[in-house]
Structures are given as structure tokens and as C-alpha cells.
Amino acid sequence: MSASDAAAARASQRAAAVADVMDDIAKIDAHGREHGGIDRAGIARIKERLLELAEHENLFPAEDFPPPDGERGSFNYRLAQNDDGTLALYVQSVGVGTSAPPHEHTTWAVIVGMRGQELNRFYDCCAGEGEPHVAREAMVQRGTGVAMLGHDVHSIHIEGTSTNFHCYGLAMEQMTGRRYWNADEGEWRIFADVTSIVEARYDAA
């Protein structure tokens, strides 16, 4: 089998695995919506399902999800997203390290490790409630993950390379108005528009 044929076969297998996982996640999310909103038990189930997907590392090789070339920062490869802008799954690929200040998502969020390490710090406040202080830390790496509700505040800190799943109740473009802590100014501010998304859906035009 040629390299291009192998890549095509892998992409097809990956799409099937992602579709299966997202179908399960949609059921968990729908159940939560029917009962007033998803809760921590629900996002814990989503995390476990994504941990199962991460075991298929052969479907997500580094060559299919390269990071930015020679720059700090990351690409977010969109693997799945509902037509209405909900339930989106990304592979985040980091090349030489990146970080994000304390911030909210305004929707549930689950991060699961595949390669490398991503330090997550969680804070003792909601966005807009004054200066955040670290309450706990968790390292996301192969076999581990973290799950957050929309009001939870966290920051990320990555040294070196990292490849993780990021799954959200809303697509990244739909998370308008979410806030982050600007330590230099000592105030909460609104995130700028997302510019790091790379389309990677199997059936996307």
C-alpha cells in the first residue's frame, strides 16, 4: 500500500471512530439538557469516552496533525462539529510550547491527553469575580484528562510538544464573550476571535 493509500485508509478509520464517539457524547449531552444542563457526572462520562478514543493513537499520528512551524502556539484541528455549532471535537497540536491565561469556556469542556504533557491549573473563582487564585493542578497526558463546566476557570501551560483532544459543548467560534484574566492589567477581558482552527473533518469540502 502506498503512503497516500495508507493515509486515506487511516482517515476513513479515524472518521468512523470519531463518529462513534461523538454519537455517544451527543446522547450524554442531550440527557443533560433534558435535566437542566449537563453536570459533573455527565462530563466525567464524556472524558472516559474520549480516553477510549485516545487509545487508538495510530489513527492520530503526528504527521496528520502537525503543529505551527517553528513558532509557539497551537493548531486546533476540527474533527467533528454539529451543523448548529454545538458538540465540537478538536486535536490540539503544540510544537514548541504554549500557554493560556486563566479563562472560562461558557460551555462544558473536556481535555484528554495523547502525547506530551499539558499542565492545567484550576482557580477558585468564576470569571469576572476578581483576581483568580490557584486551587489545584492536574497534568493532562496519555491516559488522563480533565473535565470542566462552563463557569470553571482554568489555565494551560505546555512545555515542548503536545497533542491532545479538546471537546466542547459549543464550537470554538461559538464561544463568544468568554473572559480571561489579564494579569498585567489586573482585570478580566474578552478573548479575541479564534484564528487557530484547521479544518480536518473527513467529509468536509
N, C-alpha and C. Protein backbone atom coordinates (compact mmCIF):
# COMPACT_ATOMS: atom_id res chain seq x y z
N MET A 1 0.85 -1.20 0.00
CA MET A 1 0.00 0.00 0.00
C MET A 1 0.88 1.24 0.00
N SER A 2 0.56 2.18 -0.88
CA SER A 2 1.34 3.42 -0.95
C SER A 2 1.07 4.28 0.27
N ALA A 3 1.94 5.28 0.47
CA ALA A 3 1.75 6.19 1.61
C ALA A 3 0.43 6.94 1.51
N SER A 4 0.06 7.35 0.31
CA SER A 4 -1.20 8.08 0.15
C SER A 4 -2.40 7.18 0.40
N ASP A 5 -2.31 5.92 -0.04
CA ASP A 5 -3.41 4.98 0.23
C ASP A 5 -3.53 4.69 1.72
N ALA A 6 -2.38 4.56 2.38
CA ALA A 6 -2.40 4.32 3.82
C ALA A 6 -3.01 5.50 4.57
N ALA A 7 -2.66 6.71 4.13
CA ALA A 7 -3.20 7.90 4.78
C ALA A 7 -4.71 7.99 4.58
N ALA A 8 -5.17 7.63 3.36
CA ALA A 8 -6.61 7.67 3.08
C ALA A 8 -7.36 6.63 3.92
N ALA A 9 -6.78 5.45 4.03
CA ALA A 9 -7.41 4.40 4.84
C ALA A 9 -7.47 4.82 6.30
N ARG A 10 -6.39 5.43 6.78
CA ARG A 10 -6.35 5.88 8.17
C ARG A 10 -7.40 6.97 8.42
N ALA A 11 -7.53 7.89 7.46
CA ALA A 11 -8.51 8.97 7.62
C ALA A 11 -9.93 8.41 7.69
N SER A 12 -10.20 7.39 6.88
CA SER A 12 -11.53 6.77 6.90
C SER A 12 -11.78 6.07 8.23
N GLN A 13 -10.80 5.33 8.72
CA GLN A 13 -10.93 4.65 10.01
C GLN A 13 -11.08 5.66 11.14
N ARG A 14 -10.33 6.74 11.06
CA ARG A 14 -10.41 7.78 12.08
C ARG A 14 -11.80 8.41 12.10
N ALA A 15 -12.34 8.70 10.91
CA ALA A 15 -13.66 9.31 10.84
C ALA A 15 -14.72 8.41 11.45
N ALA A 16 -14.61 7.11 11.22
CA ALA A 16 -15.58 6.17 11.79
C ALA A 16 -15.48 6.14 13.31
N ALA A 17 -14.25 6.13 13.83
CA ALA A 17 -14.05 6.10 15.28
C ALA A 17 -14.56 7.39 15.92
N VAL A 18 -14.29 8.51 15.28
CA VAL A 18 -14.74 9.81 15.81
C VAL A 18 -16.26 9.88 15.80
N ALA A 19 -16.88 9.43 14.70
CA ALA A 19 -18.33 9.47 14.61
C ALA A 19 -18.98 8.64 15.71
N ASP A 20 -18.40 7.49 16.00
CA ASP A 20 -18.93 6.62 17.04
C ASP A 20 -18.86 7.30 18.41
N VAL A 21 -17.73 7.92 18.69
CA VAL A 21 -17.55 8.62 19.97
C VAL A 21 -18.49 9.81 20.07
N MET A 22 -18.59 10.59 19.01
CA MET A 22 -19.42 11.79 19.06
C MET A 22 -20.90 11.42 19.19
N ASP A 23 -21.31 10.28 18.65
CA ASP A 23 -22.68 9.83 18.83
C ASP A 23 -22.96 9.56 20.31
N ASP A 24 -22.01 8.91 20.98
CA ASP A 24 -22.16 8.66 22.42
C ASP A 24 -22.17 9.97 23.21
N ILE A 25 -21.28 10.89 22.85
CA ILE A 25 -21.22 12.17 23.55
C ILE A 25 -22.52 12.96 23.35
N ALA A 26 -23.08 12.90 22.15
CA ALA A 26 -24.34 13.61 21.88
C ALA A 26 -25.46 13.08 22.78
N LYS A 27 -25.48 11.78 23.02
CA LYS A 27 -26.50 11.21 23.90
C LYS A 27 -26.32 11.68 25.33
N ILE A 28 -25.06 11.74 25.79
CA ILE A 28 -24.79 12.22 27.15
C ILE A 28 -25.19 13.68 27.27
N ASP A 29 -24.84 14.49 26.27
CA ASP A 29 -25.16 15.91 26.29
C ASP A 29 -26.67 16.13 26.25
N ALA A 30 -27.36 15.38 25.39
CA ALA A 30 -28.82 15.52 25.29
C ALA A 30 -29.50 15.15 26.60
N HIS A 31 -29.03 14.10 27.24
CA HIS A 31 -29.61 13.71 28.54
C HIS A 31 -29.43 14.83 29.55
N GLY A 32 -28.26 15.46 29.53
CA GLY A 32 -28.03 16.57 30.44
C GLY A 32 -28.95 17.74 30.17
N ARG A 33 -29.15 18.07 28.90
CA ARG A 33 -30.02 19.18 28.54
C ARG A 33 -31.46 18.92 28.98
N GLU A 34 -31.87 17.66 28.90
CA GLU A 34 -33.23 17.30 29.31
C GLU A 34 -33.44 17.45 30.81
N HIS A 35 -32.35 17.49 31.55
CA HIS A 35 -32.44 17.56 33.02
C HIS A 35 -31.80 18.84 33.56
N GLY A 36 -31.91 19.91 32.79
CA GLY A 36 -31.48 21.21 33.27
C GLY A 36 -30.04 21.57 33.00
N GLY A 37 -29.34 20.75 32.24
CA GLY A 37 -27.95 21.04 31.91
C GLY A 37 -27.03 19.91 32.35
N ILE A 38 -25.98 19.71 31.59
CA ILE A 38 -25.04 18.65 31.90
C ILE A 38 -24.37 18.91 33.24
N ASP A 39 -24.09 17.85 33.98
CA ASP A 39 -23.47 18.00 35.30
C ASP A 39 -22.09 17.33 35.29
N ARG A 40 -21.45 17.30 36.45
CA ARG A 40 -20.08 16.77 36.51
C ARG A 40 -20.05 15.26 36.23
N ALA A 41 -21.10 14.57 36.58
CA ALA A 41 -21.15 13.15 36.25
C ALA A 41 -21.19 12.96 34.73
N GLY A 42 -21.92 13.85 34.05
CA GLY A 42 -22.01 13.76 32.60
C GLY A 42 -20.68 14.04 31.91
N ILE A 43 -19.99 15.09 32.32
CA ILE A 43 -18.71 15.39 31.68
C ILE A 43 -17.64 14.36 32.04
N ALA A 44 -17.80 13.71 33.19
CA ALA A 44 -16.89 12.62 33.54
C ALA A 44 -17.07 11.45 32.58
N ARG A 45 -18.31 11.17 32.18
CA ARG A 45 -18.56 10.10 31.21
C ARG A 45 -18.00 10.46 29.84
N ILE A 46 -18.11 11.73 29.48
CA ILE A 46 -17.53 12.18 28.21
C ILE A 46 -16.01 12.01 28.24
N LYS A 47 -15.40 12.36 29.35
CA LYS A 47 -13.95 12.20 29.48
C LYS A 47 -13.55 10.74 29.30
N GLU A 48 -14.27 9.83 29.92
CA GLU A 48 -13.93 8.42 29.82
C GLU A 48 -14.07 7.93 28.38
N ARG A 49 -15.07 8.43 27.67
CA ARG A 49 -15.25 8.02 26.27
C ARG A 49 -14.10 8.54 25.41
N LEU A 50 -13.64 9.74 25.66
CA LEU A 50 -12.52 10.29 24.89
C LEU A 50 -11.21 9.60 25.25
N LEU A 51 -11.07 9.17 26.49
CA LEU A 51 -9.89 8.40 26.86
C LEU A 51 -9.83 7.09 26.06
N GLU A 52 -10.98 6.51 25.81
CA GLU A 52 -11.02 5.30 24.98
C GLU A 52 -10.58 5.62 23.56
N LEU A 53 -11.03 6.75 23.03
CA LEU A 53 -10.61 7.15 21.68
C LEU A 53 -9.10 7.38 21.61
N ALA A 54 -8.54 7.97 22.65
CA ALA A 54 -7.11 8.28 22.67
C ALA A 54 -6.25 7.03 22.66
N GLU A 55 -6.82 5.89 23.03
CA GLU A 55 -6.07 4.65 22.98
C GLU A 55 -5.72 4.25 21.55
N HIS A 56 -6.46 4.79 20.58
CA HIS A 56 -6.21 4.49 19.17
C HIS A 56 -5.24 5.53 18.59
N GLU A 57 -4.08 5.64 19.21
CA GLU A 57 -3.11 6.66 18.81
C GLU A 57 -2.68 6.48 17.36
N ASN A 58 -2.73 5.25 16.83
CA ASN A 58 -2.34 5.01 15.44
C ASN A 58 -3.23 5.75 14.45
N LEU A 59 -4.44 6.14 14.87
CA LEU A 59 -5.33 6.89 13.99
C LEU A 59 -5.06 8.38 14.02
N PHE A 60 -4.20 8.83 14.93
CA PHE A 60 -3.93 10.26 15.11
C PHE A 60 -2.42 10.53 15.13
N PRO A 61 -1.68 10.08 14.11
CA PRO A 61 -0.23 10.26 14.12
C PRO A 61 0.16 11.72 13.96
N ALA A 62 1.37 12.02 14.39
CA ALA A 62 1.84 13.41 14.36
C ALA A 62 1.85 13.98 12.96
N GLU A 63 2.13 13.14 11.95
CA GLU A 63 2.22 13.68 10.59
C GLU A 63 0.86 14.15 10.06
N ASP A 64 -0.21 13.64 10.62
CA ASP A 64 -1.55 14.08 10.19
C ASP A 64 -1.99 15.36 10.89
N PHE A 65 -1.34 15.70 12.00
CA PHE A 65 -1.73 16.86 12.79
C PHE A 65 -0.50 17.69 13.19
N PRO A 66 0.22 18.24 12.21
CA PRO A 66 1.44 18.98 12.53
C PRO A 66 1.15 20.29 13.27
N PRO A 67 2.04 20.69 14.16
CA PRO A 67 1.88 21.96 14.88
C PRO A 67 2.33 23.14 14.02
N PRO A 68 2.15 24.36 14.50
CA PRO A 68 2.71 25.52 13.79
C PRO A 68 4.21 25.34 13.58
N ASP A 69 4.71 25.75 12.46
CA ASP A 69 6.10 25.53 12.08
C ASP A 69 7.02 26.52 12.78
N GLY A 70 7.79 26.03 13.76
CA GLY A 70 8.82 26.83 14.39
C GLY A 70 8.32 27.99 15.22
N GLU A 71 7.07 27.95 15.66
CA GLU A 71 6.52 29.04 16.45
C GLU A 71 5.85 28.49 17.70
N ARG A 72 5.84 29.32 18.76
CA ARG A 72 5.00 28.97 19.89
C ARG A 72 3.54 29.11 19.47
N GLY A 73 2.71 28.32 20.08
CA GLY A 73 1.30 28.36 19.73
C GLY A 73 0.81 26.99 19.36
N SER A 74 -0.40 26.92 18.82
CA SER A 74 -1.01 25.63 18.53
C SER A 74 -1.96 25.75 17.36
N PHE A 75 -2.24 24.59 16.76
CA PHE A 75 -3.33 24.45 15.80
C PHE A 75 -4.40 23.58 16.45
N ASN A 76 -5.66 23.92 16.18
CA ASN A 76 -6.79 23.12 16.63
C ASN A 76 -7.45 22.51 15.41
N TYR A 77 -7.21 21.22 15.20
CA TYR A 77 -7.75 20.52 14.05
C TYR A 77 -9.17 20.04 14.35
N ARG A 78 -10.13 20.56 13.60
CA ARG A 78 -11.53 20.22 13.86
C ARG A 78 -11.84 18.86 13.27
N LEU A 79 -12.17 17.89 14.14
CA LEU A 79 -12.52 16.54 13.71
C LEU A 79 -14.02 16.34 13.55
N ALA A 80 -14.81 17.06 14.34
CA ALA A 80 -16.26 16.88 14.29
C ALA A 80 -16.94 18.13 14.84
N GLN A 81 -18.13 18.40 14.30
CA GLN A 81 -18.92 19.53 14.80
C GLN A 81 -20.33 19.41 14.26
N ASN A 82 -21.32 19.64 15.11
CA ASN A 82 -22.70 19.64 14.65
C ASN A 82 -22.95 20.84 13.73
N ASP A 83 -23.94 20.69 12.86
CA ASP A 83 -24.27 21.77 11.92
C ASP A 83 -24.70 23.04 12.64
N ASP A 84 -25.26 22.90 13.84
CA ASP A 84 -25.74 24.08 14.58
C ASP A 84 -24.66 24.71 15.46
N GLY A 85 -23.40 24.25 15.29
CA GLY A 85 -22.31 24.86 16.04
C GLY A 85 -22.13 24.31 17.43
N THR A 86 -22.70 23.15 17.70
CA THR A 86 -22.54 22.52 19.02
C THR A 86 -21.70 21.27 18.90
N LEU A 87 -21.29 20.75 20.06
CA LEU A 87 -20.59 19.47 20.17
C LEU A 87 -19.43 19.35 19.17
N ALA A 88 -18.34 20.02 19.46
CA ALA A 88 -17.19 20.03 18.57
C ALA A 88 -16.01 19.30 19.22
N LEU A 89 -15.25 18.58 18.39
CA LEU A 89 -14.06 17.86 18.83
C LEU A 89 -12.88 18.29 18.00
N TYR A 90 -11.75 18.59 18.69
CA TYR A 90 -10.53 19.04 18.04
C TYR A 90 -9.34 18.22 18.53
N VAL A 91 -8.33 18.11 17.66
CA VAL A 91 -7.00 17.71 18.09
C VAL A 91 -6.17 18.98 18.19
N GLN A 92 -5.69 19.27 19.39
CA GLN A 92 -4.80 20.42 19.57
C GLN A 92 -3.36 19.95 19.45
N SER A 93 -2.62 20.56 18.53
CA SER A 93 -1.23 20.18 18.29
C SER A 93 -0.32 21.36 18.61
N VAL A 94 0.59 21.14 19.56
CA VAL A 94 1.52 22.17 20.03
C VAL A 94 2.94 21.74 19.67
N GLY A 95 3.72 22.65 19.10
CA GLY A 95 5.06 22.31 18.65
C GLY A 95 6.16 22.61 19.64
N VAL A 96 6.25 23.84 20.11
CA VAL A 96 7.36 24.24 20.98
C VAL A 96 6.87 24.93 22.24
N GLY A 97 5.69 24.56 22.70
CA GLY A 97 5.18 25.10 23.95
C GLY A 97 4.20 26.24 23.74
N THR A 98 3.25 26.32 24.63
CA THR A 98 2.27 27.40 24.59
C THR A 98 1.60 27.49 25.95
N SER A 99 0.85 28.54 26.16
CA SER A 99 0.12 28.70 27.42
C SER A 99 -1.12 29.54 27.16
N ALA A 100 -2.05 29.47 28.09
CA ALA A 100 -3.25 30.30 28.06
C ALA A 100 -3.53 30.78 29.47
N PRO A 101 -3.89 32.05 29.64
CA PRO A 101 -4.15 32.59 30.98
C PRO A 101 -5.43 32.02 31.56
N PRO A 102 -5.71 32.26 32.83
CA PRO A 102 -6.98 31.81 33.40
C PRO A 102 -8.16 32.28 32.55
N HIS A 103 -9.05 31.34 32.21
CA HIS A 103 -10.18 31.68 31.34
C HIS A 103 -11.33 30.73 31.57
N GLU A 104 -12.50 31.15 31.11
CA GLU A 104 -13.71 30.33 31.12
C GLU A 104 -13.99 29.85 29.70
N HIS A 105 -14.94 28.92 29.56
CA HIS A 105 -15.34 28.45 28.23
C HIS A 105 -16.78 28.79 27.90
N THR A 106 -17.60 29.07 28.88
CA THR A 106 -19.04 29.34 28.73
C THR A 106 -19.82 28.10 28.31
N THR A 107 -19.15 26.96 28.20
CA THR A 107 -19.78 25.68 27.91
C THR A 107 -18.91 24.60 28.53
N TRP A 108 -19.41 23.37 28.59
CA TRP A 108 -18.57 22.31 29.15
C TRP A 108 -17.37 22.05 28.23
N ALA A 109 -16.30 21.58 28.85
CA ALA A 109 -15.06 21.33 28.11
C ALA A 109 -14.37 20.11 28.70
N VAL A 110 -13.82 19.27 27.82
CA VAL A 110 -13.08 18.09 28.23
C VAL A 110 -11.77 18.04 27.45
N ILE A 111 -10.66 17.85 28.15
CA ILE A 111 -9.34 17.73 27.53
C ILE A 111 -8.76 16.39 27.91
N VAL A 112 -8.30 15.64 26.92
CA VAL A 112 -7.73 14.31 27.13
C VAL A 112 -6.39 14.23 26.44
N GLY A 113 -5.40 13.68 27.15
CA GLY A 113 -4.05 13.62 26.63
C GLY A 113 -3.81 12.47 25.67
N MET A 114 -2.89 12.72 24.74
CA MET A 114 -2.46 11.67 23.82
C MET A 114 -0.93 11.58 23.77
N ARG A 115 -0.27 12.73 23.50
CA ARG A 115 1.19 12.77 23.51
C ARG A 115 1.63 14.05 24.21
N GLY A 116 2.72 13.98 24.97
CA GLY A 116 3.21 15.15 25.69
C GLY A 116 2.43 15.40 26.96
N GLN A 117 2.67 16.56 27.55
CA GLN A 117 2.04 16.94 28.82
C GLN A 117 1.47 18.34 28.74
N GLU A 118 0.31 18.51 29.34
CA GLU A 118 -0.34 19.82 29.45
C GLU A 118 -0.74 20.05 30.90
N LEU A 119 -0.07 20.97 31.56
CA LEU A 119 -0.42 21.29 32.94
C LEU A 119 -1.63 22.19 32.96
N ASN A 120 -2.67 21.76 33.69
CA ASN A 120 -3.88 22.57 33.88
C ASN A 120 -3.92 23.07 35.31
N ARG A 121 -4.14 24.35 35.48
CA ARG A 121 -4.36 24.94 36.80
C ARG A 121 -5.81 25.39 36.89
N PHE A 122 -6.45 25.05 37.99
CA PHE A 122 -7.84 25.41 38.21
C PHE A 122 -7.92 26.45 39.33
N TYR A 123 -8.89 27.36 39.21
CA TYR A 123 -8.94 28.53 40.07
C TYR A 123 -10.20 28.55 40.92
N ASP A 124 -10.13 29.36 41.97
CA ASP A 124 -11.17 29.34 43.00
C ASP A 124 -12.26 30.38 42.77
N CYS A 125 -12.49 30.77 41.52
CA CYS A 125 -13.49 31.80 41.25
C CYS A 125 -14.10 31.56 39.89
N CYS A 126 -15.15 32.30 39.60
CA CYS A 126 -15.71 32.36 38.26
C CYS A 126 -15.18 33.61 37.57
N ALA A 127 -15.19 33.62 36.26
CA ALA A 127 -14.68 34.77 35.52
C ALA A 127 -15.44 36.03 35.91
N GLY A 128 -14.70 37.11 36.12
CA GLY A 128 -15.29 38.39 36.49
C GLY A 128 -15.41 38.62 37.98
N GLU A 129 -14.94 37.67 38.81
CA GLU A 129 -15.11 37.78 40.25
C GLU A 129 -13.83 38.20 40.97
N GLY A 130 -12.99 38.95 40.32
CA GLY A 130 -11.76 39.39 40.96
C GLY A 130 -10.58 38.52 40.58
N GLU A 131 -9.43 38.79 41.19
CA GLU A 131 -8.20 38.09 40.83
C GLU A 131 -8.32 36.60 41.13
N PRO A 132 -8.00 35.73 40.16
CA PRO A 132 -8.08 34.29 40.40
C PRO A 132 -6.88 33.77 41.18
N HIS A 133 -7.12 32.77 42.00
CA HIS A 133 -6.05 32.11 42.77
C HIS A 133 -6.12 30.61 42.52
N VAL A 134 -4.97 30.00 42.35
CA VAL A 134 -4.90 28.57 42.02
C VAL A 134 -5.47 27.74 43.17
N ALA A 135 -6.41 26.85 42.82
CA ALA A 135 -6.99 25.94 43.81
C ALA A 135 -6.38 24.55 43.71
N ARG A 136 -6.06 24.12 42.49
CA ARG A 136 -5.46 22.80 42.30
C ARG A 136 -4.83 22.73 40.92
N GLU A 137 -4.05 21.68 40.68
CA GLU A 137 -3.41 21.45 39.40
C GLU A 137 -3.68 20.01 38.95
N ALA A 138 -3.65 19.80 37.64
CA ALA A 138 -3.78 18.45 37.08
C ALA A 138 -2.97 18.38 35.80
N MET A 139 -2.19 17.32 35.65
CA MET A 139 -1.41 17.13 34.44
C MET A 139 -2.18 16.26 33.46
N VAL A 140 -2.41 16.80 32.27
CA VAL A 140 -3.04 16.03 31.21
C VAL A 140 -1.95 15.40 30.36
N GLN A 141 -1.98 14.08 30.27
CA GLN A 141 -1.02 13.33 29.48
C GLN A 141 -1.70 12.03 29.06
N ARG A 142 -0.96 11.15 28.41
CA ARG A 142 -1.57 9.91 27.95
C ARG A 142 -2.24 9.17 29.11
N GLY A 143 -3.51 8.83 28.92
CA GLY A 143 -4.25 8.11 29.93
C GLY A 143 -4.96 8.96 30.95
N THR A 144 -4.85 10.30 30.84
CA THR A 144 -5.51 11.19 31.79
C THR A 144 -6.25 12.30 31.05
N GLY A 145 -7.13 12.96 31.78
CA GLY A 145 -7.87 14.08 31.21
C GLY A 145 -8.50 14.92 32.30
N VAL A 146 -9.08 16.04 31.91
CA VAL A 146 -9.79 16.91 32.83
C VAL A 146 -11.13 17.28 32.19
N ALA A 147 -12.12 17.59 33.03
CA ALA A 147 -13.45 17.94 32.56
C ALA A 147 -13.96 19.15 33.33
N MET A 148 -14.55 20.09 32.61
CA MET A 148 -14.98 21.35 33.21
C MET A 148 -16.39 21.72 32.79
N LEU A 149 -17.11 22.37 33.69
CA LEU A 149 -18.38 23.00 33.35
C LEU A 149 -18.11 24.42 32.85
N GLY A 150 -19.14 25.05 32.31
CA GLY A 150 -18.96 26.33 31.64
C GLY A 150 -18.41 27.45 32.50
N HIS A 151 -18.68 27.42 33.80
CA HIS A 151 -18.23 28.50 34.67
C HIS A 151 -16.86 28.24 35.28
N ASP A 152 -16.31 27.04 35.10
CA ASP A 152 -15.00 26.74 35.67
C ASP A 152 -13.92 27.56 34.98
N VAL A 153 -12.91 27.94 35.75
CA VAL A 153 -11.79 28.74 35.24
C VAL A 153 -10.53 27.92 35.34
N HIS A 154 -9.78 27.84 34.22
CA HIS A 154 -8.51 27.14 34.24
C HIS A 154 -7.51 27.86 33.35
N SER A 155 -6.24 27.50 33.49
CA SER A 155 -5.19 27.96 32.58
C SER A 155 -4.41 26.74 32.13
N ILE A 156 -3.73 26.85 30.97
CA ILE A 156 -2.93 25.75 30.49
C ILE A 156 -1.48 26.19 30.32
N HIS A 157 -0.58 25.24 30.51
CA HIS A 157 0.86 25.51 30.48
C HIS A 157 1.55 24.31 29.86
N ILE A 158 2.11 24.48 28.66
CA ILE A 158 2.72 23.38 27.92
C ILE A 158 4.16 23.74 27.60
N GLU A 159 5.06 22.85 27.95
CA GLU A 159 6.47 22.97 27.57
C GLU A 159 6.78 21.89 26.54
N GLY A 160 7.32 22.26 25.41
CA GLY A 160 7.62 21.27 24.39
C GLY A 160 6.39 20.90 23.58
N THR A 161 6.39 19.69 23.03
CA THR A 161 5.33 19.26 22.15
C THR A 161 4.18 18.64 22.92
N SER A 162 3.00 18.70 22.33
CA SER A 162 1.81 18.12 22.97
C SER A 162 0.74 17.91 21.92
N THR A 163 0.02 16.80 22.04
CA THR A 163 -1.13 16.52 21.18
C THR A 163 -2.26 16.00 22.05
N ASN A 164 -3.37 16.73 22.09
CA ASN A 164 -4.48 16.40 22.97
C ASN A 164 -5.81 16.50 22.23
N PHE A 165 -6.82 15.84 22.77
CA PHE A 165 -8.19 16.07 22.34
C PHE A 165 -8.79 17.20 23.18
N HIS A 166 -9.50 18.11 22.51
CA HIS A 166 -10.29 19.13 23.17
C HIS A 166 -11.72 18.99 22.66
N CYS A 167 -12.66 18.74 23.55
CA CYS A 167 -14.05 18.58 23.18
C CYS A 167 -14.90 19.59 23.95
N TYR A 168 -15.84 20.23 23.24
CA TYR A 168 -16.64 21.29 23.84
C TYR A 168 -18.11 21.13 23.51
N GLY A 169 -18.95 21.67 24.37
CA GLY A 169 -20.38 21.70 24.11
C GLY A 169 -20.76 22.68 23.03
N LEU A 170 -19.86 23.62 22.70
CA LEU A 170 -20.02 24.57 21.60
C LEU A 170 -18.75 24.58 20.77
N ALA A 171 -18.88 24.84 19.48
CA ALA A 171 -17.71 25.04 18.64
C ALA A 171 -16.94 26.27 19.13
N MET A 172 -15.64 26.29 18.89
CA MET A 172 -14.82 27.38 19.40
C MET A 172 -15.29 28.74 18.90
N GLU A 173 -15.77 28.80 17.65
CA GLU A 173 -16.25 30.09 17.12
C GLU A 173 -17.52 30.56 17.81
N GLN A 174 -18.23 29.63 18.45
CA GLN A 174 -19.49 29.98 19.12
C GLN A 174 -19.30 30.45 20.56
N MET A 175 -18.08 30.34 21.07
CA MET A 175 -17.82 30.73 22.46
C MET A 175 -17.54 32.23 22.55
N THR A 176 -18.50 33.03 22.13
CA THR A 176 -18.33 34.47 22.12
C THR A 176 -18.49 35.03 23.53
N GLY A 177 -17.74 36.06 23.82
CA GLY A 177 -17.86 36.74 25.10
C GLY A 177 -17.16 36.07 26.25
N ARG A 178 -16.42 34.99 26.01
CA ARG A 178 -15.76 34.34 27.13
C ARG A 178 -14.59 35.20 27.61
N ARG A 179 -14.34 35.12 28.89
CA ARG A 179 -13.40 36.04 29.54
C ARG A 179 -12.11 35.35 29.99
N TYR A 180 -11.04 36.14 30.04
CA TYR A 180 -9.76 35.67 30.55
C TYR A 180 -9.17 36.72 31.48
N TRP A 181 -8.27 36.28 32.36
CA TRP A 181 -7.64 37.17 33.32
C TRP A 181 -6.37 37.76 32.72
N ASN A 182 -6.33 39.09 32.59
CA ASN A 182 -5.14 39.80 32.13
C ASN A 182 -4.35 40.24 33.35
N ALA A 183 -3.29 39.50 33.67
CA ALA A 183 -2.55 39.76 34.90
C ALA A 183 -1.84 41.10 34.85
N ASP A 184 -1.38 41.51 33.67
CA ASP A 184 -0.66 42.79 33.56
C ASP A 184 -1.56 43.96 33.92
N GLU A 185 -2.82 43.90 33.52
CA GLU A 185 -3.77 44.98 33.80
C GLU A 185 -4.60 44.71 35.05
N GLY A 186 -4.54 43.49 35.56
CA GLY A 186 -5.32 43.15 36.75
C GLY A 186 -6.81 43.21 36.53
N GLU A 187 -7.26 42.67 35.37
CA GLU A 187 -8.69 42.71 35.08
C GLU A 187 -9.07 41.57 34.13
N TRP A 188 -10.36 41.27 34.12
CA TRP A 188 -10.90 40.28 33.19
C TRP A 188 -11.19 40.95 31.86
N ARG A 189 -10.84 40.27 30.77
CA ARG A 189 -11.08 40.80 29.44
C ARG A 189 -11.73 39.74 28.56
N ILE A 190 -12.21 40.17 27.40
CA ILE A 190 -12.87 39.27 26.45
C ILE A 190 -11.83 38.71 25.49
N PHE A 191 -11.88 37.39 25.26
CA PHE A 191 -10.98 36.75 24.31
C PHE A 191 -11.22 37.29 22.91
N ALA A 192 -10.15 37.39 22.14
CA ALA A 192 -10.26 37.76 20.73
C ALA A 192 -10.82 36.58 19.94
N ASP A 193 -11.13 36.83 18.67
CA ASP A 193 -11.66 35.76 17.82
C ASP A 193 -10.65 34.63 17.68
N VAL A 194 -11.15 33.41 17.49
CA VAL A 194 -10.29 32.24 17.31
C VAL A 194 -9.71 32.24 15.90
N THR A 195 -8.41 32.02 15.79
CA THR A 195 -7.77 32.02 14.47
C THR A 195 -6.94 30.77 14.22
N SER A 196 -6.95 29.83 15.14
CA SER A 196 -6.04 28.70 15.04
C SER A 196 -6.72 27.40 14.62
N ILE A 197 -7.94 27.48 14.07
CA ILE A 197 -8.68 26.28 13.70
C ILE A 197 -8.29 25.82 12.30
N VAL A 198 -8.02 24.53 12.17
CA VAL A 198 -7.71 23.91 10.89
C VAL A 198 -8.79 22.86 10.61
N GLU A 199 -9.44 22.96 9.46
CA GLU A 199 -10.49 22.01 9.12
C GLU A 199 -9.92 20.63 8.87
N ALA A 200 -10.38 19.62 9.59
CA ALA A 200 -9.86 18.27 9.44
C ALA A 200 -10.98 17.22 9.44
N ARG A 201 -12.21 17.66 9.20
CA ARG A 201 -13.30 16.70 9.11
C ARG A 201 -13.17 15.89 7.82
N TYR A 202 -13.42 14.62 7.91
CA TYR A 202 -13.19 13.70 6.79
C TYR A 202 -14.04 14.05 5.58
N ASP A 203 -15.29 14.47 5.83
CA ASP A 203 -16.22 14.73 4.72
C ASP A 203 -16.37 16.21 4.43
N ALA A 204 -15.48 17.06 5.02
CA ALA A 204 -15.59 18.50 4.78
C ALA A 204 -15.17 18.83 3.36
N ALA A 205 -15.82 19.83 2.78
CA ALA A 205 -15.48 20.23 1.41
C ALA A 205 -14.12 20.90 1.39
